[in-house]
């Protein structure tokens, strides 16, 4: 087996996707190693998940985040210092900016709880529910300078059943996230993901 892919994880909240990645690494179904978890909030429960797994963490203060460019310079420097090869955004409720994107070109990955380009933004699940869509889903994409507009790596659809409330929809979306995100990180670890000059992503067959 090749060396584990070294990743850094950015989060802001409960860290359920971080936990899914930790669990897949622990059961040897994902050939990766989480070198650093960065949180934009000191109260984020994801930090406790990281600490329980013995992963080093970093929390930036509101004062540092007051200058988003300076904050991303700090994050990029710390990720590089820890040897991270890819940056995995897992419920990170902030945009990433030039310092981080330049340090990790086409290597900052984001998870979005809708089928982009539909329902961009921070309230995608609620927005899709309110619109009454019959199919929604999950997108994994590379981050770029525009919010939720980077090259799409993978999508998985979800049929919305009659009678679901928004909480039920959210639970099903999270189930897909916890399966798809580690799977895509596995593709990255295997070197199967490529971004063309036209910014279209291709994935080599297994």
N, C-alpha and C. Protein backbone atom coordinates (compact mmCIF):
# COMPACT_ATOMS: atom_id res chain seq x y z
N UNK A 1 0.84 -1.19 0.00
CA UNK A 1 0.00 0.00 0.00
C UNK A 1 0.88 1.25 0.00
N UNK A 2 0.45 2.26 -0.74
CA UNK A 2 1.20 3.51 -0.79
C UNK A 2 1.11 4.24 0.55
N UNK A 3 1.92 5.27 0.69
CA UNK A 3 1.90 6.05 1.93
C UNK A 3 0.54 6.72 2.10
N UNK A 4 0.06 6.84 3.34
CA UNK A 4 -1.22 7.51 3.57
C UNK A 4 -1.17 8.96 3.09
N UNK A 5 -2.27 9.42 2.53
CA UNK A 5 -2.39 10.82 2.12
C UNK A 5 -2.50 11.68 3.37
N UNK A 6 -1.62 12.67 3.49
CA UNK A 6 -1.65 13.54 4.66
C UNK A 6 -2.61 14.70 4.40
N UNK A 7 -3.61 14.82 5.27
CA UNK A 7 -4.63 15.84 5.07
C UNK A 7 -4.77 16.73 6.31
N UNK A 8 -5.20 17.95 6.06
CA UNK A 8 -5.64 18.84 7.13
C UNK A 8 -7.12 19.06 6.98
N UNK A 9 -7.83 19.14 8.09
CA UNK A 9 -9.29 19.30 8.07
C UNK A 9 -9.66 20.63 8.69
N UNK A 10 -10.50 21.39 7.99
CA UNK A 10 -11.02 22.66 8.49
C UNK A 10 -12.47 22.47 8.88
N UNK A 11 -12.85 22.93 10.07
CA UNK A 11 -14.23 22.78 10.51
C UNK A 11 -14.66 23.97 11.35
N UNK A 12 -15.97 24.04 11.58
CA UNK A 12 -16.52 25.10 12.42
C UNK A 12 -17.53 24.60 13.44
N UNK A 13 -17.97 23.33 13.29
CA UNK A 13 -19.07 22.87 14.12
C UNK A 13 -18.86 21.51 14.73
N UNK A 14 -19.88 20.65 14.60
CA UNK A 14 -19.92 19.40 15.35
C UNK A 14 -18.91 18.37 14.87
N UNK A 15 -18.48 18.46 13.62
CA UNK A 15 -17.43 17.56 13.15
C UNK A 15 -17.88 16.16 12.81
N UNK A 16 -19.13 16.00 12.38
CA UNK A 16 -19.58 14.64 12.04
C UNK A 16 -18.86 14.10 10.81
N UNK A 17 -18.55 14.96 9.85
CA UNK A 17 -17.80 14.49 8.69
C UNK A 17 -16.35 14.19 9.05
N UNK A 18 -15.79 14.97 9.95
CA UNK A 18 -14.47 14.63 10.48
C UNK A 18 -14.51 13.24 11.11
N UNK A 19 -15.54 12.95 11.90
CA UNK A 19 -15.64 11.65 12.55
C UNK A 19 -15.75 10.53 11.54
N UNK A 20 -16.50 10.77 10.45
CA UNK A 20 -16.62 9.75 9.41
C UNK A 20 -15.26 9.45 8.80
N UNK A 21 -14.44 10.49 8.60
CA UNK A 21 -13.10 10.29 8.05
C UNK A 21 -12.22 9.55 9.06
N UNK A 22 -12.27 9.96 10.32
CA UNK A 22 -11.51 9.29 11.37
C UNK A 22 -11.86 7.81 11.42
N UNK A 23 -13.16 7.50 11.35
CA UNK A 23 -13.60 6.10 11.45
C UNK A 23 -13.11 5.28 10.26
N UNK A 24 -13.14 5.86 9.08
CA UNK A 24 -12.69 5.13 7.89
C UNK A 24 -11.18 4.91 7.92
N UNK A 25 -10.45 5.86 8.46
CA UNK A 25 -9.00 5.66 8.62
C UNK A 25 -8.75 4.55 9.64
N UNK A 26 -9.53 4.57 10.73
CA UNK A 26 -9.34 3.59 11.80
C UNK A 26 -9.62 2.17 11.34
N UNK A 27 -10.61 2.00 10.45
CA UNK A 27 -10.92 0.64 10.00
C UNK A 27 -10.15 0.24 8.74
N UNK A 28 -9.16 1.08 8.38
CA UNK A 28 -8.24 0.81 7.27
C UNK A 28 -8.89 0.82 5.90
N UNK A 29 -10.09 1.40 5.79
CA UNK A 29 -10.73 1.51 4.48
C UNK A 29 -10.41 2.82 3.79
N UNK A 30 -9.67 3.71 4.47
CA UNK A 30 -9.22 4.96 3.88
C UNK A 30 -7.74 5.14 4.18
N UNK A 31 -6.94 5.24 3.13
CA UNK A 31 -5.48 5.33 3.28
C UNK A 31 -5.08 6.80 3.41
N UNK A 32 -5.37 7.36 4.57
CA UNK A 32 -5.07 8.78 4.82
C UNK A 32 -4.67 8.97 6.27
N UNK A 33 -4.11 10.13 6.54
CA UNK A 33 -3.70 10.49 7.90
C UNK A 33 -4.05 11.95 8.12
N UNK A 34 -4.80 12.23 9.17
CA UNK A 34 -5.17 13.61 9.49
C UNK A 34 -4.06 14.20 10.35
N UNK A 35 -3.36 15.18 9.79
CA UNK A 35 -2.20 15.76 10.46
C UNK A 35 -2.56 16.94 11.34
N UNK A 36 -3.66 17.64 10.99
CA UNK A 36 -4.05 18.83 11.74
C UNK A 36 -5.53 19.10 11.50
N UNK A 37 -6.24 19.48 12.57
CA UNK A 37 -7.62 19.95 12.46
C UNK A 37 -7.64 21.42 12.88
N UNK A 38 -8.17 22.27 12.01
CA UNK A 38 -8.26 23.70 12.27
C UNK A 38 -9.72 24.08 12.44
N UNK A 39 -10.02 24.77 13.52
CA UNK A 39 -11.40 25.21 13.77
C UNK A 39 -11.48 26.72 13.80
N UNK A 40 -12.57 27.24 13.20
CA UNK A 40 -12.81 28.68 13.26
C UNK A 40 -13.53 29.08 14.54
N UNK A 41 -13.92 28.08 15.34
CA UNK A 41 -14.63 28.37 16.59
C UNK A 41 -14.03 27.54 17.72
N UNK A 42 -13.66 28.16 18.83
CA UNK A 42 -13.08 27.40 19.93
C UNK A 42 -14.07 26.45 20.59
N UNK A 43 -15.38 26.69 20.39
CA UNK A 43 -16.40 25.84 21.00
C UNK A 43 -16.82 24.68 20.11
N UNK A 44 -16.25 24.57 18.93
CA UNK A 44 -16.66 23.53 17.99
C UNK A 44 -16.44 22.14 18.59
N UNK A 45 -17.48 21.31 18.55
CA UNK A 45 -17.37 19.96 19.11
C UNK A 45 -16.39 19.10 18.29
N UNK A 46 -16.20 19.48 17.03
CA UNK A 46 -15.24 18.75 16.21
C UNK A 46 -13.84 18.73 16.81
N UNK A 47 -13.50 19.75 17.59
CA UNK A 47 -12.20 19.76 18.26
C UNK A 47 -12.09 18.61 19.26
N UNK A 48 -13.17 18.33 19.96
CA UNK A 48 -13.16 17.22 20.92
C UNK A 48 -13.01 15.88 20.19
N UNK A 49 -13.65 15.78 19.04
CA UNK A 49 -13.50 14.54 18.25
C UNK A 49 -12.04 14.36 17.83
N UNK A 50 -11.42 15.44 17.39
CA UNK A 50 -10.02 15.36 16.98
C UNK A 50 -9.12 14.98 18.15
N UNK A 51 -9.32 15.64 19.28
CA UNK A 51 -8.50 15.36 20.45
C UNK A 51 -8.66 13.92 20.93
N UNK A 52 -9.90 13.41 20.85
CA UNK A 52 -10.15 12.02 21.25
C UNK A 52 -9.41 11.04 20.36
N UNK A 53 -9.18 11.46 19.11
CA UNK A 53 -8.47 10.60 18.17
C UNK A 53 -6.97 10.87 18.17
N UNK A 54 -6.51 11.76 19.05
CA UNK A 54 -5.08 12.05 19.15
C UNK A 54 -4.55 12.93 18.03
N UNK A 55 -5.42 13.74 17.44
CA UNK A 55 -5.04 14.60 16.32
C UNK A 55 -4.77 16.00 16.85
N UNK A 56 -3.70 16.60 16.39
CA UNK A 56 -3.37 17.96 16.82
C UNK A 56 -4.39 18.95 16.27
N UNK A 57 -4.72 19.97 17.05
CA UNK A 57 -5.73 20.94 16.66
C UNK A 57 -5.18 22.36 16.74
N UNK A 58 -5.84 23.25 16.00
CA UNK A 58 -5.51 24.67 16.01
C UNK A 58 -6.81 25.45 15.95
N UNK A 59 -6.97 26.40 16.84
CA UNK A 59 -8.14 27.28 16.82
C UNK A 59 -7.66 28.72 16.68
N UNK A 60 -8.24 29.41 15.72
CA UNK A 60 -7.88 30.81 15.52
C UNK A 60 -8.91 31.72 16.19
N UNK A 61 -8.45 32.81 16.74
CA UNK A 61 -9.32 33.73 17.45
C UNK A 61 -10.09 34.63 16.49
N UNK A 62 -11.14 35.25 17.01
CA UNK A 62 -11.90 36.21 16.22
C UNK A 62 -11.02 37.36 15.76
N UNK A 63 -10.04 37.70 16.57
CA UNK A 63 -9.16 38.81 16.22
C UNK A 63 -8.34 38.47 14.97
N UNK A 64 -7.86 37.25 14.88
CA UNK A 64 -7.11 36.85 13.69
C UNK A 64 -8.04 36.80 12.49
N UNK A 65 -9.24 36.26 12.67
CA UNK A 65 -10.19 36.15 11.56
C UNK A 65 -10.74 37.50 11.12
N UNK A 66 -10.51 38.55 11.93
CA UNK A 66 -10.94 39.88 11.51
C UNK A 66 -10.26 40.28 10.20
N UNK A 67 -9.10 39.73 9.95
CA UNK A 67 -8.41 39.91 8.67
C UNK A 67 -8.36 38.54 8.00
N UNK A 68 -9.32 38.23 7.10
CA UNK A 68 -9.40 36.88 6.54
C UNK A 68 -8.17 36.46 5.75
N UNK A 69 -7.50 37.43 5.13
CA UNK A 69 -6.29 37.08 4.37
C UNK A 69 -5.19 36.65 5.32
N UNK A 70 -5.01 37.41 6.40
CA UNK A 70 -4.00 37.05 7.40
C UNK A 70 -4.32 35.70 8.03
N UNK A 71 -5.61 35.44 8.28
CA UNK A 71 -6.01 34.17 8.87
C UNK A 71 -5.65 33.01 7.95
N UNK A 72 -5.92 33.17 6.65
CA UNK A 72 -5.61 32.09 5.72
C UNK A 72 -4.11 31.91 5.54
N UNK A 73 -3.35 32.98 5.71
CA UNK A 73 -1.89 32.84 5.68
C UNK A 73 -1.41 31.99 6.85
N UNK A 74 -1.98 32.23 8.03
CA UNK A 74 -1.63 31.43 9.20
C UNK A 74 -2.01 29.97 8.98
N UNK A 75 -3.23 29.74 8.48
CA UNK A 75 -3.69 28.37 8.26
C UNK A 75 -2.80 27.66 7.25
N UNK A 76 -2.50 28.32 6.14
CA UNK A 76 -1.66 27.71 5.11
C UNK A 76 -0.29 27.36 5.66
N UNK A 77 0.29 28.26 6.44
CA UNK A 77 1.60 28.02 7.03
C UNK A 77 1.58 26.82 7.96
N UNK A 78 0.54 26.72 8.80
CA UNK A 78 0.44 25.61 9.75
C UNK A 78 0.21 24.28 9.02
N UNK A 79 -0.64 24.29 8.00
CA UNK A 79 -0.89 23.06 7.25
C UNK A 79 0.38 22.57 6.57
N UNK A 80 1.13 23.50 5.98
CA UNK A 80 2.39 23.13 5.33
C UNK A 80 3.38 22.59 6.36
N UNK A 81 3.43 23.24 7.52
CA UNK A 81 4.36 22.80 8.56
C UNK A 81 4.05 21.39 9.03
N UNK A 82 2.79 21.00 8.95
CA UNK A 82 2.38 19.65 9.35
C UNK A 82 2.42 18.65 8.19
N UNK A 83 2.90 19.09 7.05
CA UNK A 83 3.06 18.18 5.92
C UNK A 83 1.79 17.82 5.19
N UNK A 84 0.74 18.61 5.36
CA UNK A 84 -0.55 18.28 4.74
C UNK A 84 -0.46 18.44 3.21
N UNK A 85 -0.99 17.44 2.51
CA UNK A 85 -0.98 17.46 1.06
C UNK A 85 -2.30 17.98 0.47
N UNK A 86 -3.39 17.76 1.18
CA UNK A 86 -4.71 18.26 0.78
C UNK A 86 -5.38 18.90 1.98
N UNK A 87 -6.27 19.85 1.68
CA UNK A 87 -7.06 20.52 2.70
C UNK A 87 -8.51 20.10 2.52
N UNK A 88 -9.11 19.56 3.56
CA UNK A 88 -10.46 19.03 3.52
C UNK A 88 -11.37 19.92 4.37
N UNK A 89 -12.27 20.62 3.72
CA UNK A 89 -13.22 21.47 4.44
C UNK A 89 -14.42 20.61 4.85
N UNK A 90 -14.68 20.57 6.14
CA UNK A 90 -15.74 19.70 6.66
C UNK A 90 -16.64 20.52 7.59
N UNK A 91 -17.58 21.24 6.96
CA UNK A 91 -18.43 22.11 7.76
C UNK A 91 -17.69 23.36 8.21
N UNK A 92 -16.83 23.86 7.33
CA UNK A 92 -16.06 25.08 7.62
C UNK A 92 -16.86 26.26 7.09
N UNK A 93 -17.34 27.10 7.98
CA UNK A 93 -18.30 28.13 7.61
C UNK A 93 -17.65 29.46 7.26
N UNK A 94 -16.51 29.36 6.59
CA UNK A 94 -15.84 30.57 6.12
C UNK A 94 -15.32 30.33 4.72
N UNK A 95 -15.26 31.39 3.93
CA UNK A 95 -14.63 31.27 2.62
C UNK A 95 -13.12 31.11 2.80
N UNK A 96 -12.51 30.44 1.84
CA UNK A 96 -11.05 30.41 1.80
C UNK A 96 -10.57 31.43 0.76
N UNK A 97 -9.38 31.95 0.98
CA UNK A 97 -8.89 33.05 0.17
C UNK A 97 -7.55 32.72 -0.48
N UNK A 98 -7.01 33.70 -1.19
CA UNK A 98 -5.83 33.48 -2.02
C UNK A 98 -4.66 32.80 -1.32
N UNK A 99 -4.31 33.18 -0.08
CA UNK A 99 -3.13 32.53 0.51
C UNK A 99 -3.26 31.01 0.63
N UNK A 100 -4.44 30.55 0.99
CA UNK A 100 -4.64 29.11 1.13
C UNK A 100 -4.80 28.44 -0.23
N UNK A 101 -5.54 29.08 -1.13
CA UNK A 101 -5.74 28.52 -2.46
C UNK A 101 -4.43 28.45 -3.24
N UNK A 102 -3.56 29.46 -3.06
CA UNK A 102 -2.28 29.46 -3.75
C UNK A 102 -1.34 28.40 -3.19
N UNK A 103 -1.42 28.18 -1.89
CA UNK A 103 -0.58 27.16 -1.25
C UNK A 103 -1.01 25.76 -1.64
N UNK A 104 -2.32 25.58 -1.93
CA UNK A 104 -2.87 24.27 -2.26
C UNK A 104 -3.74 24.37 -3.51
N UNK A 105 -3.13 24.62 -4.67
CA UNK A 105 -3.93 24.76 -5.90
C UNK A 105 -4.63 23.45 -6.28
N UNK A 106 -5.94 23.53 -6.45
CA UNK A 106 -6.76 22.34 -6.73
C UNK A 106 -6.53 21.23 -5.71
N UNK A 107 -6.27 21.65 -4.48
CA UNK A 107 -6.10 20.67 -3.40
C UNK A 107 -6.85 21.10 -2.13
N UNK A 108 -7.75 22.08 -2.28
CA UNK A 108 -8.66 22.44 -1.20
C UNK A 108 -10.04 21.90 -1.59
N UNK A 109 -10.55 20.98 -0.79
CA UNK A 109 -11.76 20.24 -1.14
C UNK A 109 -12.89 20.64 -0.21
N UNK A 110 -14.07 20.81 -0.78
CA UNK A 110 -15.24 21.21 0.01
C UNK A 110 -16.39 20.24 -0.22
N UNK A 111 -17.24 20.17 0.77
CA UNK A 111 -18.45 19.33 0.73
C UNK A 111 -19.65 20.26 0.80
N UNK A 112 -20.61 20.08 -0.12
CA UNK A 112 -21.79 20.95 -0.14
C UNK A 112 -23.05 20.09 -0.14
N UNK A 113 -24.03 20.41 0.73
CA UNK A 113 -25.22 19.57 0.88
C UNK A 113 -26.33 19.88 -0.12
N UNK A 114 -25.97 19.92 -1.39
CA UNK A 114 -26.93 20.08 -2.48
C UNK A 114 -26.20 19.70 -3.76
N UNK A 115 -26.97 19.61 -4.85
CA UNK A 115 -26.37 19.30 -6.14
C UNK A 115 -26.04 20.60 -6.84
N UNK A 116 -24.80 21.06 -6.65
CA UNK A 116 -24.38 22.29 -7.31
C UNK A 116 -24.50 22.15 -8.83
N UNK A 117 -24.88 23.23 -9.53
CA UNK A 117 -24.91 24.62 -9.07
C UNK A 117 -26.21 25.05 -8.36
N UNK A 118 -27.10 24.15 -8.08
CA UNK A 118 -28.31 24.51 -7.36
C UNK A 118 -28.03 24.74 -5.88
N UNK A 119 -28.72 25.69 -5.30
CA UNK A 119 -28.73 25.92 -3.84
C UNK A 119 -27.34 26.11 -3.26
N UNK A 120 -26.66 27.11 -3.79
CA UNK A 120 -25.39 27.52 -3.19
C UNK A 120 -25.66 28.19 -1.85
N UNK A 121 -24.59 28.33 -1.06
CA UNK A 121 -24.70 29.08 0.18
C UNK A 121 -24.84 28.20 1.40
N UNK A 122 -25.00 28.87 2.54
CA UNK A 122 -24.92 28.21 3.84
C UNK A 122 -26.21 27.52 4.27
N UNK A 123 -27.30 27.69 3.52
CA UNK A 123 -28.59 27.13 3.94
C UNK A 123 -29.16 26.23 2.85
N UNK A 124 -28.29 25.44 2.23
CA UNK A 124 -28.68 24.68 1.05
C UNK A 124 -29.79 23.67 1.33
N UNK A 125 -29.72 22.98 2.46
CA UNK A 125 -30.72 21.96 2.75
C UNK A 125 -32.09 22.60 2.94
N UNK A 126 -32.14 23.64 3.75
CA UNK A 126 -33.41 24.34 3.98
C UNK A 126 -33.93 24.98 2.70
N UNK A 127 -33.03 25.54 1.91
CA UNK A 127 -33.45 26.17 0.66
C UNK A 127 -34.05 25.15 -0.30
N UNK A 128 -33.42 23.98 -0.41
CA UNK A 128 -33.95 22.93 -1.28
C UNK A 128 -35.30 22.44 -0.78
N UNK A 129 -35.42 22.28 0.53
CA UNK A 129 -36.68 21.82 1.12
C UNK A 129 -37.79 22.84 0.86
N UNK A 130 -37.51 24.10 1.07
CA UNK A 130 -38.52 25.14 0.87
C UNK A 130 -38.94 25.23 -0.59
N UNK A 131 -38.02 24.93 -1.49
CA UNK A 131 -38.33 24.97 -2.92
C UNK A 131 -39.17 23.78 -3.34
N UNK A 132 -39.20 22.75 -2.50
CA UNK A 132 -40.00 21.57 -2.81
C UNK A 132 -39.39 20.65 -3.85
N UNK A 133 -38.06 20.62 -3.91
CA UNK A 133 -37.42 19.77 -4.91
C UNK A 133 -37.71 18.30 -4.63
N UNK A 134 -37.73 17.52 -5.69
CA UNK A 134 -37.96 16.07 -5.58
C UNK A 134 -36.65 15.30 -5.54
N UNK A 135 -35.58 15.95 -6.00
CA UNK A 135 -34.25 15.34 -5.96
C UNK A 135 -33.26 16.41 -5.52
N UNK A 136 -32.45 16.08 -4.53
CA UNK A 136 -31.33 16.94 -4.14
C UNK A 136 -30.14 16.02 -3.92
N UNK A 137 -29.19 16.39 -3.10
CA UNK A 137 -28.06 15.50 -2.91
C UNK A 137 -26.86 16.19 -2.32
N UNK A 138 -25.67 15.69 -2.67
CA UNK A 138 -24.41 16.14 -2.08
C UNK A 138 -23.39 16.31 -3.20
N UNK A 139 -22.59 17.36 -3.08
CA UNK A 139 -21.52 17.64 -4.03
C UNK A 139 -20.18 17.74 -3.30
N UNK A 140 -19.16 17.12 -3.85
CA UNK A 140 -17.78 17.33 -3.40
C UNK A 140 -17.06 18.05 -4.53
N UNK A 141 -16.42 19.17 -4.20
CA UNK A 141 -15.78 19.98 -5.24
C UNK A 141 -14.52 20.63 -4.70
N UNK A 142 -13.67 21.05 -5.63
CA UNK A 142 -12.52 21.84 -5.25
C UNK A 142 -12.97 23.27 -4.99
N UNK A 143 -12.44 23.88 -3.94
CA UNK A 143 -12.76 25.26 -3.65
C UNK A 143 -11.94 26.19 -4.54
N UNK A 144 -12.55 27.32 -4.89
CA UNK A 144 -11.82 28.38 -5.59
C UNK A 144 -12.23 29.73 -5.03
N UNK A 145 -11.97 30.79 -5.77
CA UNK A 145 -12.21 32.14 -5.26
C UNK A 145 -13.69 32.48 -5.16
N UNK A 146 -14.55 31.68 -5.79
CA UNK A 146 -15.97 31.96 -5.78
C UNK A 146 -16.70 30.91 -4.95
N UNK A 147 -17.62 31.36 -4.14
CA UNK A 147 -18.30 30.48 -3.19
C UNK A 147 -19.09 29.40 -3.91
N UNK A 148 -18.76 28.13 -3.63
CA UNK A 148 -19.48 26.97 -4.17
C UNK A 148 -19.45 26.90 -5.69
N UNK A 149 -18.38 27.38 -6.31
CA UNK A 149 -18.30 27.36 -7.77
C UNK A 149 -17.08 26.63 -8.31
N UNK A 150 -16.32 25.96 -7.45
CA UNK A 150 -15.12 25.27 -7.90
C UNK A 150 -15.43 24.00 -8.67
N UNK A 151 -14.42 23.42 -9.34
CA UNK A 151 -14.61 22.22 -10.14
C UNK A 151 -15.22 21.06 -9.33
N UNK A 152 -16.23 20.43 -9.90
CA UNK A 152 -16.97 19.36 -9.22
C UNK A 152 -16.23 18.03 -9.38
N UNK A 153 -16.00 17.37 -8.26
CA UNK A 153 -15.34 16.06 -8.26
C UNK A 153 -16.36 14.93 -8.30
N UNK A 154 -17.39 15.03 -7.46
CA UNK A 154 -18.37 13.96 -7.38
C UNK A 154 -19.70 14.52 -6.87
N UNK A 155 -20.78 13.86 -7.27
CA UNK A 155 -22.11 14.19 -6.76
C UNK A 155 -22.87 12.90 -6.53
N UNK A 156 -23.74 12.94 -5.53
CA UNK A 156 -24.62 11.79 -5.27
C UNK A 156 -26.02 12.32 -5.00
N UNK A 157 -26.98 11.79 -5.73
CA UNK A 157 -28.34 12.30 -5.66
C UNK A 157 -29.15 11.60 -4.57
N UNK A 158 -30.17 12.30 -4.11
CA UNK A 158 -31.09 11.78 -3.09
C UNK A 158 -32.51 12.14 -3.50
N UNK A 159 -33.36 11.13 -3.66
CA UNK A 159 -34.78 11.36 -3.94
C UNK A 159 -35.47 11.76 -2.64
N UNK A 160 -36.18 12.87 -2.66
CA UNK A 160 -36.87 13.38 -1.48
C UNK A 160 -38.25 12.74 -1.41
N UNK A 161 -38.52 12.01 -0.35
CA UNK A 161 -39.78 11.28 -0.25
C UNK A 161 -40.88 12.16 0.34
N UNK A 162 -42.12 11.86 -0.09
CA UNK A 162 -43.26 12.60 0.43
C UNK A 162 -43.35 12.41 1.95
N UNK A 163 -43.66 13.47 2.65
CA UNK A 163 -43.84 13.38 4.09
C UNK A 163 -42.60 13.70 4.90
N UNK A 164 -41.44 13.81 4.23
CA UNK A 164 -40.24 14.18 4.96
C UNK A 164 -40.35 15.64 5.43
N UNK A 165 -39.88 15.90 6.65
CA UNK A 165 -39.69 17.29 7.06
C UNK A 165 -38.23 17.65 6.83
N UNK A 166 -37.87 18.90 7.09
CA UNK A 166 -36.53 19.36 6.78
C UNK A 166 -35.48 18.62 7.61
N UNK A 167 -35.83 18.23 8.84
CA UNK A 167 -34.87 17.50 9.68
C UNK A 167 -34.59 16.11 9.12
N UNK A 168 -35.62 15.47 8.59
CA UNK A 168 -35.44 14.15 7.98
C UNK A 168 -34.56 14.27 6.74
N UNK A 169 -34.83 15.29 5.94
CA UNK A 169 -34.00 15.51 4.76
C UNK A 169 -32.55 15.74 5.16
N UNK A 170 -32.33 16.55 6.17
CA UNK A 170 -30.97 16.82 6.61
C UNK A 170 -30.27 15.54 7.09
N UNK A 171 -30.98 14.68 7.80
CA UNK A 171 -30.39 13.43 8.27
C UNK A 171 -29.95 12.55 7.11
N UNK A 172 -30.77 12.49 6.06
CA UNK A 172 -30.41 11.68 4.89
C UNK A 172 -29.24 12.29 4.13
N UNK A 173 -29.22 13.62 4.05
CA UNK A 173 -28.08 14.29 3.41
C UNK A 173 -26.79 13.96 4.15
N UNK A 174 -26.83 14.01 5.47
CA UNK A 174 -25.62 13.73 6.25
C UNK A 174 -25.16 12.28 6.07
N UNK A 175 -26.10 11.36 5.94
CA UNK A 175 -25.73 9.97 5.70
C UNK A 175 -24.92 9.84 4.41
N UNK A 176 -25.37 10.54 3.37
CA UNK A 176 -24.64 10.51 2.10
C UNK A 176 -23.27 11.16 2.24
N UNK A 177 -23.23 12.30 2.93
CA UNK A 177 -21.96 12.98 3.15
C UNK A 177 -20.93 12.05 3.79
N UNK A 178 -21.38 11.33 4.81
CA UNK A 178 -20.45 10.49 5.59
C UNK A 178 -19.95 9.30 4.78
N UNK A 179 -20.64 8.95 3.70
CA UNK A 179 -20.18 7.90 2.79
C UNK A 179 -19.32 8.47 1.66
N UNK A 180 -19.83 9.56 1.05
CA UNK A 180 -19.20 10.07 -0.16
C UNK A 180 -17.88 10.77 0.12
N UNK A 181 -17.81 11.55 1.19
CA UNK A 181 -16.60 12.33 1.43
C UNK A 181 -15.37 11.44 1.66
N UNK A 182 -15.44 10.45 2.55
CA UNK A 182 -14.27 9.57 2.69
C UNK A 182 -13.94 8.83 1.38
N UNK A 183 -14.98 8.50 0.61
CA UNK A 183 -14.73 7.81 -0.67
C UNK A 183 -13.91 8.71 -1.60
N UNK A 184 -14.29 9.96 -1.70
CA UNK A 184 -13.56 10.89 -2.57
C UNK A 184 -12.14 11.10 -2.05
N UNK A 185 -11.97 11.22 -0.75
CA UNK A 185 -10.61 11.36 -0.20
C UNK A 185 -9.77 10.14 -0.55
N UNK A 186 -10.40 8.98 -0.58
CA UNK A 186 -9.71 7.78 -1.03
C UNK A 186 -9.25 7.87 -2.47
N UNK A 187 -10.09 8.45 -3.33
CA UNK A 187 -9.68 8.67 -4.73
C UNK A 187 -8.46 9.58 -4.80
N UNK A 188 -8.48 10.63 -3.98
CA UNK A 188 -7.33 11.55 -3.94
C UNK A 188 -6.08 10.81 -3.48
N UNK A 189 -6.23 9.99 -2.46
CA UNK A 189 -5.09 9.23 -1.94
C UNK A 189 -4.51 8.30 -3.00
N UNK A 190 -5.38 7.79 -3.86
CA UNK A 190 -4.94 6.87 -4.92
C UNK A 190 -4.46 7.60 -6.17
N UNK A 191 -4.51 8.93 -6.17
CA UNK A 191 -4.06 9.70 -7.33
C UNK A 191 -4.98 9.58 -8.53
N UNK A 192 -6.25 9.33 -8.29
CA UNK A 192 -7.20 9.08 -9.39
C UNK A 192 -7.92 10.33 -9.88
N UNK A 193 -7.76 11.45 -9.17
CA UNK A 193 -8.52 12.66 -9.50
C UNK A 193 -7.62 13.64 -10.26
N UNK A 194 -8.12 14.13 -11.39
CA UNK A 194 -7.35 15.04 -12.24
C UNK A 194 -8.22 16.22 -12.66
N UNK A 195 -7.63 17.41 -12.66
CA UNK A 195 -8.32 18.62 -13.10
C UNK A 195 -7.72 19.06 -14.42
N UNK A 196 -8.56 19.13 -15.45
CA UNK A 196 -8.08 19.52 -16.77
C UNK A 196 -7.92 21.02 -16.91
N UNK A 197 -7.35 21.43 -18.05
CA UNK A 197 -7.19 22.85 -18.32
C UNK A 197 -8.54 23.58 -18.38
N UNK A 198 -9.58 22.83 -18.74
CA UNK A 198 -10.93 23.42 -18.79
C UNK A 198 -11.63 23.36 -17.44
N UNK A 199 -10.87 22.95 -16.39
CA UNK A 199 -11.37 22.85 -15.02
C UNK A 199 -12.43 21.76 -14.83
N UNK A 200 -12.53 20.87 -15.80
CA UNK A 200 -13.39 19.70 -15.61
C UNK A 200 -12.58 18.61 -14.91
N UNK A 201 -13.22 17.93 -13.98
CA UNK A 201 -12.53 16.90 -13.20
C UNK A 201 -12.82 15.52 -13.80
N UNK A 202 -11.78 14.72 -13.92
CA UNK A 202 -11.93 13.33 -14.32
C UNK A 202 -11.40 12.45 -13.19
N UNK A 203 -12.03 11.28 -13.04
CA UNK A 203 -11.63 10.32 -12.00
C UNK A 203 -11.31 9.00 -12.69
N UNK A 204 -10.08 8.54 -12.52
CA UNK A 204 -9.68 7.26 -13.10
C UNK A 204 -10.48 6.13 -12.49
N UNK A 205 -10.81 5.10 -13.27
CA UNK A 205 -11.49 3.93 -12.68
C UNK A 205 -10.62 3.23 -11.68
N UNK A 206 -11.24 2.58 -10.75
CA UNK A 206 -10.49 1.89 -9.69
C UNK A 206 -9.72 0.71 -10.26
